[in-house]
Amino acid sequence: MSRPDLNGAAWRKSSYSNQAGGDCVEVAVGCQGVVPIRDSKAPNGPALHFEASSWAAFIDELRAGQHRV
């Protein structure tokens, strides 16, 4: 899997992230075939990259209650 160029990426903070600076996860949108994830407290740090189909399956499992959050 190739890493997308994240310069100028549009990042969206998870609705589960708290506003007190705790667990903050951001997802970049618009990257072809891959979903980059990063810690919003370290925006210049590393980002994890997941295949879009794997990320979609994971989100579906979360919605179905198959994982504890």
Protein backbone atom coordinates (compact mmCIF):
# COMPACT_ATOMS: atom_id res chain seq x y z
CA MET A 1 0.00 0.00 0.00
CA SER A 2 1.46 3.34 -0.98
CA ARG A 3 1.36 6.27 1.42
CA PRO A 4 -0.67 9.22 0.21
CA ASP A 5 0.67 12.75 0.14
CA LEU A 6 -0.98 14.28 3.21
CA ASN A 7 0.12 17.87 2.53
CA GLY A 8 -3.10 19.83 2.46
CA ALA A 9 -5.21 16.84 3.54
CA ALA A 10 -8.60 17.61 5.05
CA TRP A 11 -8.60 16.10 8.55
CA ARG A 12 -11.80 15.42 10.51
CA LYS A 13 -11.78 14.85 14.29
CA SER A 14 -13.66 11.83 15.58
CA SER A 15 -16.96 12.59 17.27
CA TYR A 16 -15.74 10.37 20.13
CA SER A 17 -12.73 12.61 20.81
CA ASN A 18 -13.17 14.70 23.90
CA GLN A 19 -12.72 18.46 23.93
CA ALA A 20 -10.47 18.42 27.02
CA GLY A 21 -7.39 17.36 25.06
CA GLY A 22 -7.72 13.66 25.84
CA ASP A 23 -8.10 10.89 23.28
CA CYS A 24 -8.22 12.70 19.94
CA VAL A 25 -8.29 10.80 16.68
CA GLU A 26 -8.46 12.45 13.26
CA VAL A 27 -9.21 10.88 9.89
CA ALA A 28 -8.10 12.34 6.55
CA VAL A 29 -10.78 12.31 3.88
CA GLY A 30 -10.39 12.18 0.13
CA CYS A 31 -7.35 9.88 -0.16
CA GLN A 32 -7.87 7.35 -2.95
CA GLY A 33 -8.19 3.80 -1.54
CA VAL A 34 -6.57 4.56 1.83
CA VAL A 35 -7.70 6.09 5.12
CA PRO A 36 -5.00 7.94 7.11
CA ILE A 37 -5.52 8.20 10.89
CA ARG A 38 -3.51 10.40 13.28
CA ASP A 39 -3.42 11.72 16.83
CA SER A 40 -4.73 15.28 16.72
CA LYS A 41 -2.39 16.25 19.57
CA ALA A 42 0.57 15.45 17.27
CA PRO A 43 -0.52 16.69 13.83
CA ASN A 44 3.03 16.63 12.49
CA GLY A 45 3.66 13.15 13.86
CA PRO A 46 3.13 9.85 12.08
CA ALA A 47 -0.18 8.74 10.61
CA LEU A 48 -1.43 5.19 10.30
CA HIS A 49 -2.76 4.17 6.89
CA PHE A 50 -5.51 1.60 6.38
CA GLU A 51 -6.98 0.25 3.17
CA ALA A 52 -10.36 1.93 2.70
CA SER A 53 -12.20 -1.41 2.59
CA SER A 54 -10.58 -2.56 5.87
CA TRP A 55 -11.43 0.73 7.57
CA ALA A 56 -15.05 0.53 6.36
CA ALA A 57 -15.35 -3.03 7.72
CA PHE A 58 -13.93 -1.90 11.08
CA ILE A 59 -16.41 1.01 11.30
CA ASP A 60 -19.29 -1.34 10.41
CA GLU A 61 -18.20 -3.67 13.24
CA LEU A 62 -18.10 -0.73 15.68
CA ARG A 63 -21.61 0.30 14.69
CA ALA A 64 -22.80 -3.29 15.15
CA GLY A 65 -21.39 -3.30 18.69
CA GLN A 66 -18.72 -5.91 17.98
CA HIS A 67 -15.99 -3.86 19.70
CA ARG A 68 -15.95 -1.93 22.94
CA VAL A 69 -15.18 1.78 22.64
